[in-house]
Amino acid sequence: MIDYIKLASSKSKGKRPYFHDDPAVERVLNVTMAIAGELAVTRERMDSIERILESKGLVTREEIENYVPNSEEIEIQRQTWHSEYISRVLRIIQQEMEEMENPDKSIEEIANDINEM
């Protein structure tokens, strides 16, 4: 099974840039921006798909709005997507938790690192 949390936790080299003094505000901003990015891409793609389908007479937007999944396989696929999505959205929190579990640092060093964010 794929570990979506680990996959979403890939990090760039170097220190993360921070824009706010309060680490909690920074985390909320990161999560919000991750969601905003995901939503913007999804809406643009959905608009494209709906326009293409409708222009070819394959399906109407009303049919899309009224669609109900009819199999367990579809439900499993959607649950997998949700897991991947939440992993990406909460990536910053997961990375900070991993940093706190780092045995090479003392509690004081970890607290200082978090406060510097």
PDB file of N, CA and C in Angstrom:
ATOM      1  N   MET A   1       0.847  -1.188   0.000  1.00  0.00           N
ATOM      2  CA  MET A   1       0.000   0.000   0.000  1.00  0.00           C
ATOM      3  C   MET A   1       0.891   1.248   0.000  1.00  0.00           C
ATOM      4  N   ILE A   2       0.455   2.262  -0.691  1.00  0.00           N
ATOM      5  CA  ILE A   2       1.214   3.502  -0.804  1.00  0.00           C
ATOM      6  C   ILE A   2       1.026   4.329   0.460  1.00  0.00           C
ATOM      7  N   ASP A   3       2.126   4.855   0.980  1.00  0.00           N
ATOM      8  CA  ASP A   3       2.081   5.725   2.149  1.00  0.00           C
ATOM      9  C   ASP A   3       1.966   7.170   1.659  1.00  0.00           C
ATOM     10  N   TYR A   4       0.732   7.663   1.548  1.00  0.00           N
ATOM     11  CA  TYR A   4       0.501   8.983   0.981  1.00  0.00           C
ATOM     12  C   TYR A   4       1.050  10.098   1.865  1.00  0.00           C
ATOM     13  N   ILE A   5       1.051   9.883   3.168  1.00  0.00           N
ATOM     14  CA  ILE A   5       1.598  10.907   4.069  1.00  0.00           C
ATOM     15  C   ILE A   5       3.090  11.059   3.817  1.00  0.00           C
ATOM     16  N   LYS A   6       3.796   9.932   3.713  1.00  0.00           N
ATOM     17  CA  LYS A   6       5.230   9.986   3.452  1.00  0.00           C
ATOM     18  C   LYS A   6       5.501  10.614   2.092  1.00  0.00           C
ATOM     19  N   LEU A   7       4.715  10.249   1.102  1.00  0.00           N
ATOM     20  CA  LEU A   7       4.870  10.781  -0.243  1.00  0.00           C
ATOM     21  C   LEU A   7       4.661  12.288  -0.262  1.00  0.00           C
ATOM     22  N   ALA A   8       3.659  12.771   0.466  1.00  0.00           N
ATOM     23  CA  ALA A   8       3.362  14.208   0.506  1.00  0.00           C
ATOM     24  C   ALA A   8       4.367  14.986   1.342  1.00  0.00           C
ATOM     25  N   SER A   9       5.178  14.274   2.119  1.00  0.00           N
ATOM     26  CA  SER A   9       6.118  14.936   3.023  1.00  0.00           C
ATOM     27  C   SER A   9       7.473  15.200   2.390  1.00  0.00           C
ATOM     28  N   SER A  10       7.620  14.968   1.089  1.00  0.00           N
ATOM     29  CA  SER A  10       8.899  15.257   0.456  1.00  0.00           C
ATOM     30  C   SER A  10       9.249  16.717   0.705  1.00  0.00           C
ATOM     31  N   LYS A  11      10.501  16.963   1.017  1.00  0.00           N
ATOM     32  CA  LYS A  11      10.908  18.309   1.385  1.00  0.00           C
ATOM     33  C   LYS A  11      11.939  18.844   0.410  1.00  0.00           C
ATOM     34  N   SER A  12      11.936  20.157   0.246  1.00  0.00           N
ATOM     35  CA  SER A  12      12.982  20.826  -0.507  1.00  0.00           C
ATOM     36  C   SER A  12      14.190  20.946   0.405  1.00  0.00           C
ATOM     37  N   LYS A  13      15.352  21.120  -0.203  1.00  0.00           N
ATOM     38  CA  LYS A  13      16.550  21.333   0.612  1.00  0.00           C
ATOM     39  C   LYS A  13      16.545  22.763   1.127  1.00  0.00           C
ATOM     40  N   GLY A  14      17.172  22.962   2.267  1.00  0.00           N
ATOM     41  CA  GLY A  14      17.237  24.297   2.849  1.00  0.00           C
ATOM     42  C   GLY A  14      16.070  24.557   3.782  1.00  0.00           C
ATOM     43  N   LYS A  15      16.131  25.724   4.422  1.00  0.00           N
ATOM     44  CA  LYS A  15      15.079  26.087   5.379  1.00  0.00           C
ATOM     45  C   LYS A  15      13.856  26.623   4.651  1.00  0.00           C
ATOM     46  N   ARG A  16      12.714  26.326   5.216  1.00  0.00           N
ATOM     47  CA  ARG A  16      11.445  26.809   4.689  1.00  0.00           C
ATOM     48  C   ARG A  16      11.342  28.312   4.973  1.00  0.00           C
ATOM     49  N   PRO A  17      10.902  29.107   3.970  1.00  0.00           N
ATOM     50  CA  PRO A  17      10.702  30.536   4.251  1.00  0.00           C
ATOM     51  C   PRO A  17       9.441  30.738   5.093  1.00  0.00           C
ATOM     52  N   TYR A  18       9.517  31.631   6.049  1.00  0.00           N
ATOM     53  CA  TYR A  18       8.370  31.941   6.897  1.00  0.00           C
ATOM     54  C   TYR A  18       8.051  33.419   6.775  1.00  0.00           C
ATOM     55  N   PHE A  19       6.757  33.746   6.820  1.00  0.00           N
ATOM     56  CA  PHE A  19       6.310  35.105   6.603  1.00  0.00           C
ATOM     57  C   PHE A  19       5.650  35.721   7.824  1.00  0.00           C
ATOM     58  N   HIS A  20       5.360  34.908   8.846  1.00  0.00           N
ATOM     59  CA  HIS A  20       4.692  35.392  10.054  1.00  0.00           C
ATOM     60  C   HIS A  20       5.511  34.992  11.278  1.00  0.00           C
ATOM     61  N   ASP A  21       5.417  35.802  12.323  1.00  0.00           N
ATOM     62  CA  ASP A  21       6.143  35.515  13.555  1.00  0.00           C
ATOM     63  C   ASP A  21       5.533  34.342  14.315  1.00  0.00           C
ATOM     64  N   ASP A  22       4.237  34.177  14.205  1.00  0.00           N
ATOM     65  CA  ASP A  22       3.530  33.129  14.941  1.00  0.00           C
ATOM     66  C   ASP A  22       3.502  31.848  14.107  1.00  0.00           C
ATOM     67  N   PRO A  23       4.132  30.760  14.598  1.00  0.00           N
ATOM     68  CA  PRO A  23       4.153  29.506  13.833  1.00  0.00           C
ATOM     69  C   PRO A  23       2.759  28.947  13.554  1.00  0.00           C
ATOM     70  N   ALA A  24       1.815  29.178  14.459  1.00  0.00           N
ATOM     71  CA  ALA A  24       0.453  28.681  14.245  1.00  0.00           C
ATOM     72  C   ALA A  24      -0.181  29.382  13.045  1.00  0.00           C
ATOM     73  N   VAL A  25       0.026  30.675  12.932  1.00  0.00           N
ATOM     74  CA  VAL A  25      -0.503  31.433  11.793  1.00  0.00           C
ATOM     75  C   VAL A  25       0.141  30.927  10.513  1.00  0.00           C
ATOM     76  N   GLU A  26       1.420  30.672  10.563  1.00  0.00           N
ATOM     77  CA  GLU A  26       2.145  30.161   9.399  1.00  0.00           C
ATOM     78  C   GLU A  26       1.595  28.809   8.950  1.00  0.00           C
ATOM     79  N   ARG A  27       1.326  27.925   9.899  1.00  0.00           N
ATOM     80  CA  ARG A  27       0.767  26.605   9.569  1.00  0.00           C
ATOM     81  C   ARG A  27      -0.611  26.743   8.923  1.00  0.00           C
ATOM     82  N   VAL A  28      -1.455  27.589   9.515  1.00  0.00           N
ATOM     83  CA  VAL A  28      -2.798  27.778   8.962  1.00  0.00           C
ATOM     84  C   VAL A  28      -2.697  28.363   7.552  1.00  0.00           C
ATOM     85  N   LEU A  29      -1.798  29.306   7.351  1.00  0.00           N
ATOM     86  CA  LEU A  29      -1.615  29.887   6.022  1.00  0.00           C
ATOM     87  C   LEU A  29      -1.167  28.813   5.026  1.00  0.00           C
ATOM     88  N   ASN A  30      -0.220  27.966   5.420  1.00  0.00           N
ATOM     89  CA  ASN A  30       0.255  26.905   4.533  1.00  0.00           C
ATOM     90  C   ASN A  30      -0.856  25.928   4.171  1.00  0.00           C
ATOM     91  N   VAL A  31      -1.634  25.526   5.152  1.00  0.00           N
ATOM     92  CA  VAL A  31      -2.742  24.603   4.888  1.00  0.00           C
ATOM     93  C   VAL A  31      -3.768  25.272   3.973  1.00  0.00           C
ATOM     94  N   THR A  32      -4.093  26.532   4.253  1.00  0.00           N
ATOM     95  CA  THR A  32      -5.071  27.259   3.445  1.00  0.00           C
ATOM     96  C   THR A  32      -4.597  27.394   2.004  1.00  0.00           C
ATOM     97  N   MET A  33      -3.335  27.714   1.817  1.00  0.00           N
ATOM     98  CA  MET A  33      -2.812  27.871   0.459  1.00  0.00           C
ATOM     99  C   MET A  33      -2.756  26.534  -0.276  1.00  0.00           C
ATOM    100  N   ALA A  34      -2.479  25.452   0.439  1.00  0.00           N
ATOM    101  CA  ALA A  34      -2.497  24.123  -0.183  1.00  0.00           C
ATOM    102  C   ALA A  34      -3.904  23.798  -0.675  1.00  0.00           C
ATOM    103  N   ILE A  35      -4.893  24.087   0.144  1.00  0.00           N
ATOM    104  CA  ILE A  35      -6.287  23.842  -0.245  1.00  0.00           C
ATOM    105  C   ILE A  35      -6.675  24.738  -1.422  1.00  0.00           C
ATOM    106  N   ALA A  36      -6.295  25.999  -1.356  1.00  0.00           N
ATOM    107  CA  ALA A  36      -6.634  26.931  -2.434  1.00  0.00           C
ATOM    108  C   ALA A  36      -6.027  26.473  -3.757  1.00  0.00           C
ATOM    109  N   GLY A  37      -4.782  26.021  -3.721  1.00  0.00           N
ATOM    110  CA  GLY A  37      -4.127  25.533  -4.934  1.00  0.00           C
ATOM    111  C   GLY A  37      -4.818  24.306  -5.498  1.00  0.00           C
ATOM    112  N   GLU A  38      -5.139  23.378  -4.618  1.00  0.00           N
ATOM    113  CA  GLU A  38      -5.835  22.156  -5.042  1.00  0.00           C
ATOM    114  C   GLU A  38      -7.188  22.499  -5.662  1.00  0.00           C
ATOM    115  N   LEU A  39      -7.927  23.384  -5.024  1.00  0.00           N
ATOM    116  CA  LEU A  39      -9.255  23.739  -5.506  1.00  0.00           C
ATOM    117  C   LEU A  39      -9.185  24.465  -6.850  1.00  0.00           C
ATOM    118  N   ALA A  40      -8.242  25.378  -7.000  1.00  0.00           N
ATOM    119  CA  ALA A  40      -8.122  26.124  -8.257  1.00  0.00           C
ATOM    120  C   ALA A  40      -7.850  25.190  -9.429  1.00  0.00           C
ATOM    121  N   VAL A  41      -6.929  24.259  -9.250  1.00  0.00           N
ATOM    122  CA  VAL A  41      -6.601  23.306 -10.312  1.00  0.00           C
ATOM    123  C   VAL A  41      -7.801  22.415 -10.616  1.00  0.00           C
ATOM    124  N   THR A  42      -8.454  21.933  -9.584  1.00  0.00           N
ATOM    125  CA  THR A  42      -9.604  21.049  -9.759  1.00  0.00           C
ATOM    126  C   THR A  42     -10.740  21.759 -10.499  1.00  0.00           C
ATOM    127  N   ARG A  43     -11.041  22.976 -10.116  1.00  0.00           N
ATOM    128  CA  ARG A  43     -12.138  23.702 -10.762  1.00  0.00           C
ATOM    129  C   ARG A  43     -11.845  23.966 -12.228  1.00  0.00           C
ATOM    130  N   GLU A  44     -10.604  24.321 -12.525  1.00  0.00           N
ATOM    131  CA  GLU A  44     -10.237  24.578 -13.912  1.00  0.00           C
ATOM    132  C   GLU A  44     -10.352  23.305 -14.758  1.00  0.00           C
ATOM    133  N   ARG A  45      -9.866  22.199 -14.223  1.00  0.00           N
ATOM    134  CA  ARG A  45      -9.952  20.930 -14.950  1.00  0.00           C
ATOM    135  C   ARG A  45     -11.402  20.481 -15.122  1.00  0.00           C
ATOM    136  N   MET A  46     -12.193  20.608 -14.079  1.00  0.00           N
ATOM    137  CA  MET A  46     -13.597  20.211 -14.163  1.00  0.00           C
ATOM    138  C   MET A  46     -14.335  21.057 -15.201  1.00  0.00           C
ATOM    139  N   ASP A  47     -14.058  22.332 -15.226  1.00  0.00           N
ATOM    140  CA  ASP A  47     -14.689  23.201 -16.205  1.00  0.00           C
ATOM    141  C   ASP A  47     -14.332  22.740 -17.619  1.00  0.00           C
ATOM    142  N   SER A  48     -13.065  22.413 -17.847  1.00  0.00           N
ATOM    143  CA  SER A  48     -12.630  21.925 -19.162  1.00  0.00           C
ATOM    144  C   SER A  48     -13.358  20.639 -19.535  1.00  0.00           C
ATOM    145  N   ILE A  49     -13.385  19.695 -18.610  1.00  0.00           N
ATOM    146  CA  ILE A  49     -14.027  18.402 -18.874  1.00  0.00           C
ATOM    147  C   ILE A  49     -15.512  18.587 -19.175  1.00  0.00           C
ATOM    148  N   GLU A  50     -16.189  19.368 -18.359  1.00  0.00           N
ATOM    149  CA  GLU A  50     -17.619  19.574 -18.563  1.00  0.00           C
ATOM    150  C   GLU A  50     -17.908  20.245 -19.902  1.00  0.00           C
ATOM    151  N   ARG A  51     -17.106  21.209 -20.278  1.00  0.00           N
ATOM    152  CA  ARG A  51     -17.315  21.896 -21.557  1.00  0.00           C
ATOM    153  C   ARG A  51     -17.078  20.953 -22.739  1.00  0.00           C
ATOM    154  N   ILE A  52     -16.040  20.136 -22.656  1.00  0.00           N
ATOM    155  CA  ILE A  52     -15.750  19.185 -23.731  1.00  0.00           C
ATOM    156  C   ILE A  52     -16.876  18.165 -23.854  1.00  0.00           C
ATOM    157  N   LEU A  53     -17.283  17.594 -22.733  1.00  0.00           N
ATOM    158  CA  LEU A  53     -18.357  16.594 -22.770  1.00  0.00           C
ATOM    159  C   LEU A  53     -19.663  17.176 -23.309  1.00  0.00           C
ATOM    160  N   GLU A  54     -19.998  18.371 -22.830  1.00  0.00           N
ATOM    161  CA  GLU A  54     -21.246  18.992 -23.262  1.00  0.00           C
ATOM    162  C   GLU A  54     -21.191  19.361 -24.753  1.00  0.00           C
ATOM    163  N   SER A  55     -20.039  19.860 -25.221  1.00  0.00           N
ATOM    164  CA  SER A  55     -19.926  20.251 -26.636  1.00  0.00           C
ATOM    165  C   SER A  55     -20.032  19.047 -27.565  1.00  0.00           C
ATOM    166  N   LYS A  56     -19.663  17.869 -27.085  1.00  0.00           N
ATOM    167  CA  LYS A  56     -19.763  16.647 -27.885  1.00  0.00           C
ATOM    168  C   LYS A  56     -21.113  15.954 -27.700  1.00  0.00           C
ATOM    169  N   GLY A  57     -21.964  16.516 -26.856  1.00  0.00           N
ATOM    170  CA  GLY A  57     -23.282  15.937 -26.628  1.00  0.00           C
ATOM    171  C   GLY A  57     -23.233  14.633 -25.843  1.00  0.00           C
ATOM    172  N   LEU A  58     -22.156  14.413 -25.079  1.00  0.00           N
ATOM    173  CA  LEU A  58     -22.012  13.162 -24.332  1.00  0.00           C
ATOM    174  C   LEU A  58     -22.703  13.196 -22.976  1.00  0.00           C
ATOM    175  N   VAL A  59     -22.686  14.338 -22.341  1.00  0.00           N
ATOM    176  CA  VAL A  59     -23.293  14.475 -21.017  1.00  0.00           C
ATOM    177  C   VAL A  59     -23.550  15.956 -20.765  1.00  0.00           C
ATOM    178  N   THR A  60     -24.570  16.234 -19.981  1.00  0.00           N
ATOM    179  CA  THR A  60     -24.853  17.626 -19.634  1.00  0.00           C
ATOM    180  C   THR A  60     -24.320  17.916 -18.230  1.00  0.00           C
ATOM    181  N   ARG A  61     -24.191  19.175 -17.935  1.00  0.00           N
ATOM    182  CA  ARG A  61     -23.748  19.557 -16.585  1.00  0.00           C
ATOM    183  C   ARG A  61     -24.770  19.115 -15.538  1.00  0.00           C
ATOM    184  N   GLU A  62     -26.032  19.091 -15.904  1.00  0.00           N
ATOM    185  CA  GLU A  62     -27.073  18.637 -14.977  1.00  0.00           C
ATOM    186  C   GLU A  62     -26.869  17.158 -14.619  1.00  0.00           C
ATOM    187  N   GLU A  63     -26.515  16.336 -15.610  1.00  0.00           N
ATOM    188  CA  GLU A  63     -26.248  14.919 -15.344  1.00  0.00           C
ATOM    189  C   GLU A  63     -25.055  14.758 -14.401  1.00  0.00           C
ATOM    190  N   ILE A  64     -24.057  15.595 -14.578  1.00  0.00           N
ATOM    191  CA  ILE A  64     -22.877  15.546 -13.699  1.00  0.00           C
ATOM    192  C   ILE A  64     -23.284  15.896 -12.272  1.00  0.00           C
ATOM    193  N   GLU A  65     -24.077  16.942 -12.120  1.00  0.00           N
ATOM    194  CA  GLU A  65     -24.535  17.370 -10.787  1.00  0.00           C
ATOM    195  C   GLU A  65     -25.337  16.275 -10.084  1.00  0.00           C
ATOM    196  N   ASN A  66     -26.077  15.483 -10.843  1.00  0.00           N
ATOM    197  CA  ASN A  66     -26.962  14.477 -10.254  1.00  0.00           C
ATOM    198  C   ASN A  66     -26.354  13.076 -10.183  1.00  0.00           C
ATOM    199  N   TYR A  67     -25.081  12.922 -10.563  1.00  0.00           N
ATOM    200  CA  TYR A  67     -24.437  11.612 -10.571  1.00  0.00           C
ATOM    201  C   TYR A  67     -24.300  11.039  -9.157  1.00  0.00           C
ATOM    202  N   VAL A  68     -24.577   9.740  -9.025  1.00  0.00           N
ATOM    203  CA  VAL A  68     -24.402   9.024  -7.763  1.00  0.00           C
ATOM    204  C   VAL A  68     -23.552   7.785  -8.051  1.00  0.00           C
ATOM    205  N   PRO A  69     -22.414   7.615  -7.334  1.00  0.00           N
ATOM    206  CA  PRO A  69     -21.561   6.438  -7.564  1.00  0.00           C
ATOM    207  C   PRO A  69     -22.357   5.144  -7.361  1.00  0.00           C
ATOM    208  N   ASN A  70     -22.085   4.148  -8.208  1.00  0.00           N
ATOM    209  CA  ASN A  70     -22.878   2.919  -8.138  1.00  0.00           C
ATOM    210  C   ASN A  70     -22.054   1.661  -7.895  1.00  0.00           C
ATOM    211  N   SER A  71     -20.815   1.822  -7.387  1.00  0.00           N
ATOM    212  CA  SER A  71     -20.032   0.622  -7.096  1.00  0.00           C
ATOM    213  C   SER A  71     -19.065   0.859  -5.938  1.00  0.00           C
ATOM    214  N   GLU A  72     -18.690  -0.240  -5.315  1.00  0.00           N
ATOM    215  CA  GLU A  72     -17.727  -0.171  -4.208  1.00  0.00           C
ATOM    216  C   GLU A  72     -16.359   0.271  -4.720  1.00  0.00           C
ATOM    217  N   GLU A  73     -16.025  -0.136  -5.940  1.00  0.00           N
ATOM    218  CA  GLU A  73     -14.736   0.245  -6.527  1.00  0.00           C
ATOM    219  C   GLU A  73     -14.613   1.766  -6.648  1.00  0.00           C
ATOM    220  N   ILE A  74     -15.686   2.409  -7.067  1.00  0.00           N
ATOM    221  CA  ILE A  74     -15.671   3.871  -7.175  1.00  0.00           C
ATOM    222  C   ILE A  74     -15.486   4.493  -5.795  1.00  0.00           C
ATOM    223  N   GLU A  75     -16.171   3.954  -4.802  1.00  0.00           N
ATOM    224  CA  GLU A  75     -16.035   4.469  -3.437  1.00  0.00           C
ATOM    225  C   GLU A  75     -14.596   4.315  -2.933  1.00  0.00           C
ATOM    226  N   ILE A  76     -13.977   3.168  -3.209  1.00  0.00           N
ATOM    227  CA  ILE A  76     -12.580   2.934  -2.795  1.00  0.00           C
ATOM    228  C   ILE A  76     -11.648   3.918  -3.488  1.00  0.00           C
ATOM    229  N   GLN A  77     -11.860   4.140  -4.776  1.00  0.00           N
ATOM    230  CA  GLN A  77     -11.035   5.101  -5.511  1.00  0.00           C
ATOM    231  C   GLN A  77     -11.174   6.500  -4.928  1.00  0.00           C
ATOM    232  N   ARG A  78     -12.382   6.861  -4.583  1.00  0.00           N
ATOM    233  CA  ARG A  78     -12.602   8.189  -4.006  1.00  0.00           C
ATOM    234  C   ARG A  78     -11.979   8.307  -2.613  1.00  0.00           C
ATOM    235  N   GLN A  79     -12.060   7.244  -1.823  1.00  0.00           N
ATOM    236  CA  GLN A  79     -11.424   7.259  -0.499  1.00  0.00           C
ATOM    237  C   GLN A  79      -9.908   7.391  -0.631  1.00  0.00           C
ATOM    238  N   THR A  80      -9.330   6.720  -1.617  1.00  0.00           N
ATOM    239  CA  THR A  80      -7.891   6.829  -1.858  1.00  0.00           C
ATOM    240  C   THR A  80      -7.538   8.260  -2.235  1.00  0.00           C
ATOM    241  N   TRP A  81      -8.328   8.855  -3.112  1.00  0.00           N
ATOM    242  CA  TRP A  81      -8.085  10.241  -3.497  1.00  0.00           C
ATOM    243  C   TRP A  81      -8.150  11.166  -2.281  1.00  0.00           C
ATOM    244  N   HIS A  82      -9.146  10.944  -1.420  1.00  0.00           N
ATOM    245  CA  HIS A  82      -9.273  11.769  -0.211  1.00  0.00           C
ATOM    246  C   HIS A  82      -8.026  11.648   0.666  1.00  0.00           C
ATOM    247  N   SER A  83      -7.503  10.434   0.817  1.00  0.00           N
ATOM    248  CA  SER A  83      -6.286  10.232   1.615  1.00  0.00           C
ATOM    249  C   SER A  83      -5.107  10.993   1.024  1.00  0.00           C
ATOM    250  N   GLU A  84      -4.947  10.908  -0.281  1.00  0.00           N
ATOM    251  CA  GLU A  84      -3.858  11.633  -0.950  1.00  0.00           C
ATOM    252  C   GLU A  84      -4.023  13.139  -0.767  1.00  0.00           C
ATOM    253  N   TYR A  85      -5.234  13.604  -0.938  1.00  0.00           N
ATOM    254  CA  TYR A  85      -5.537  15.034  -0.841  1.00  0.00           C
ATOM    255  C   TYR A  85      -5.234  15.579   0.556  1.00  0.00           C
ATOM    256  N   ILE A  86      -5.747  14.907   1.570  1.00  0.00           N
ATOM    257  CA  ILE A  86      -5.526  15.355   2.944  1.00  0.00           C
ATOM    258  C   ILE A  86      -4.037  15.320   3.289  1.00  0.00           C
ATOM    259  N   SER A  87      -3.323  14.336   2.777  1.00  0.00           N
ATOM    260  CA  SER A  87      -1.879  14.270   3.005  1.00  0.00           C
ATOM    261  C   SER A  87      -1.174  15.488   2.427  1.00  0.00           C
ATOM    262  N   ARG A  88      -1.586  15.908   1.243  1.00  0.00           N
ATOM    263  CA  ARG A  88      -0.977  17.101   0.638  1.00  0.00           C
ATOM    264  C   ARG A  88      -1.355  18.355   1.417  1.00  0.00           C
ATOM    265  N   VAL A  89      -2.606  18.472   1.805  1.00  0.00           N
ATOM    266  CA  VAL A  89      -3.086  19.661   2.506  1.00  0.00           C
ATOM    267  C   VAL A  89      -2.402  19.816   3.865  1.00  0.00           C
ATOM    268  N   LEU A  90      -2.245  18.713   4.576  1.00  0.00           N
ATOM    269  CA  LEU A  90      -1.668  18.776   5.926  1.00  0.00           C
ATOM    270  C   LEU A  90      -0.162  18.500   5.940  1.00  0.00           C
ATOM    271  N   ARG A  91       0.468  18.619   4.799  1.00  0.00           N
ATOM    272  CA  ARG A  91       1.898  18.329   4.659  1.00  0.00           C
ATOM    273  C   ARG A  91       2.761  19.090   5.670  1.00  0.00           C
ATOM    274  N   ILE A  92       2.523  20.373   5.861  1.00  0.00           N
ATOM    275  CA  ILE A  92       3.334  21.189   6.773  1.00  0.00           C
ATOM    276  C   ILE A  92       3.249  20.666   8.203  1.00  0.00           C
ATOM    277  N   ILE A  93       2.084  20.257   8.620  1.00  0.00           N
ATOM    278  CA  ILE A  93       1.924  19.742   9.983  1.00  0.00           C
ATOM    279  C   ILE A  93       2.641  18.411  10.129  1.00  0.00           C
ATOM    280  N   GLN A  94       2.521  17.551   9.136  1.00  0.00           N
ATOM    281  CA  GLN A  94       3.205  16.261   9.157  1.00  0.00           C
ATOM    282  C   GLN A  94       4.718  16.453   9.231  1.00  0.00           C
ATOM    283  N   GLN A  95       5.249  17.379   8.460  1.00  0.00           N
ATOM    284  CA  GLN A  95       6.692  17.620   8.473  1.00  0.00           C
ATOM    285  C   GLN A  95       7.152  18.118   9.835  1.00  0.00           C
ATOM    286  N   GLU A  96       6.372  18.978  10.462  1.00  0.00           N
ATOM    287  CA  GLU A  96       6.743  19.468  11.788  1.00  0.00           C
ATOM    288  C   GLU A  96       6.684  18.344  12.821  1.00  0.00           C
ATOM    289  N   MET A  97       5.715  17.448  12.698  1.00  0.00           N
ATOM    290  CA  MET A  97       5.640  16.309  13.620  1.00  0.00           C
ATOM    291  C   MET A  97       6.859  15.402  13.445  1.00  0.00           C
ATOM    292  N   GLU A  98       7.265  15.173  12.210  1.00  0.00           N
ATOM    293  CA  GLU A  98       8.445  14.352  11.951  1.00  0.00           C
ATOM    294  C   GLU A  98       9.693  15.005  12.528  1.00  0.00           C
ATOM    295  N   GLU A  99       9.769  16.322  12.408  1.00  0.00           N
ATOM    296  CA  GLU A  99      10.907  17.044  12.947  1.00  0.00           C
ATOM    297  C   GLU A  99      10.967  16.899  14.472  1.00  0.00           C
ATOM    298  N   MET A 100       9.798  16.899  15.112  1.00  0.00           N
ATOM    299  CA  MET A 100       9.758  16.751  16.560  1.00  0.00           C
ATOM    300  C   MET A 100      10.189  15.355  16.998  1.00  0.00           C
ATOM    301  N   GLU A 101      10.013  14.365  16.119  1.00  0.00           N
ATOM    302  CA  GLU A 101      10.391  12.991  16.445  1.00  0.00           C
ATOM    303  C   GLU A 101      11.868  12.720  16.193  1.00  0.00           C
ATOM    304  N   ASN A 102      12.590  13.696  15.669  1.00  0.00           N
ATOM    305  CA  ASN A 102      14.005  13.536  15.336  1.00  0.00           C
ATOM    306  C   ASN A 102      14.811  13.340  16.620  1.00  0.00           C
ATOM    307  N   PRO A 103      15.387  12.152  16.838  1.00  0.00           N
ATOM    308  CA  PRO A 103      16.107  11.881  18.080  1.00  0.00           C
ATOM    309  C   PRO A 103      17.448  12.607  18.188  1.00  0.00           C
ATOM    310  N   ASP A 104      17.911  13.212  17.092  1.00  0.00           N
ATOM    311  CA  ASP A 104      19.201  13.902  17.122  1.00  0.00           C
ATOM    312  C   ASP A 104      19.118  15.268  17.796  1.00  0.00           C
ATOM    313  N   LYS A 105      17.919  15.741  18.072  1.00  0.00           N
ATOM    314  CA  LYS A 105      17.752  17.063  18.675  1.00  0.00           C
ATOM    315  C   LYS A 105      17.124  16.929  20.051  1.00  0.00           C
ATOM    316  N   SER A 106      17.515  17.848  20.921  1.00  0.00           N
ATOM    317  CA  SER A 106      16.897  17.884  22.242  1.00  0.00           C
ATOM    318  C   SER A 106      15.539  18.577  22.135  1.00  0.00           C
ATOM    319  N   ILE A 107      14.728  18.417  23.166  1.00  0.00           N
ATOM    320  CA  ILE A 107      13.419  19.074  23.206  1.00  0.00           C
ATOM    321  C   ILE A 107      13.589  20.589  23.092  1.00  0.00           C
ATOM    322  N   GLU A 108      14.610  21.130  23.730  1.00  0.00           N
ATOM    323  CA  GLU A 108      14.853  22.568  23.692  1.00  0.00           C
ATOM    324  C   GLU A 108      15.186  23.030  22.267  1.00  0.00           C
ATOM    325  N   GLU A 109      16.008  22.252  21.550  1.00  0.00           N
ATOM    326  CA  GLU A 109      16.365  22.614  20.175  1.00  0.00           C
ATOM    327  C   GLU A 109      15.142  22.565  19.265  1.00  0.00           C
ATOM    328  N   ILE A 110      14.311  21.554  19.455  1.00  0.00           N
ATOM    329  CA  ILE A 110      13.095  21.438  18.647  1.00  0.00           C
ATOM    330  C   ILE A 110      12.163  22.617  18.940  1.00  0.00           C
ATOM    331  N   ALA A 111      11.990  22.962  20.221  1.00  0.00           N
ATOM    332  CA  ALA A 111      11.135  24.087  20.599  1.00  0.00           C
ATOM    333  C   ALA A 111      11.672  25.381  20.001  1.00  0.00           C
ATOM    334  N   ASN A 112      12.995  25.573  20.048  1.00  0.00           N
ATOM    335  CA  ASN A 112      13.604  26.763  19.451  1.00  0.00           C
ATOM    336  C   ASN A 112      13.371  26.805  17.942  1.00  0.00           C
ATOM    337  N   ASP A 113      13.516  25.656  17.268  1.00  0.00           N
ATOM    338  CA  ASP A 113      13.283  25.591  15.828  1.00  0.00           C
ATOM    339  C   ASP A 113      11.836  25.981  15.494  1.00  0.00           C
ATOM    340  N   ILE A 114      10.889  25.460  16.253  1.00  0.00           N
ATOM    341  CA  ILE A 114       9.483  25.764  16.002  1.00  0.00           C
ATOM    342  C   ILE A 114       9.213  27.241  16.266  1.00  0.00           C
ATOM    343  N   ASN A 115       9.791  27.781  17.335  1.00  0.00           N
ATOM    344  CA  ASN A 115       9.576  29.199  17.649  1.00  0.00           C
ATOM    345  C   ASN A 115      10.192  30.120  16.611  1.00  0.00           C
ATOM    346  N   GLU A 116      11.271  29.676  15.956  1.00  0.00           N
ATOM    347  CA  GLU A 116      11.913  30.477  14.925  1.00  0.00           C
ATOM    348  C   GLU A 116      11.124  30.484  13.634  1.00  0.00           C
ATOM    349  N   MET A 117      10.188  29.551  13.486  1.00  0.00           N
ATOM    350  CA  MET A 117       9.386  29.459  12.255  1.00  0.00           C
ATOM    351  C   MET A 117       8.474  30.606  12.224  1.00  0.00           C
TER     352      MET A 117
END
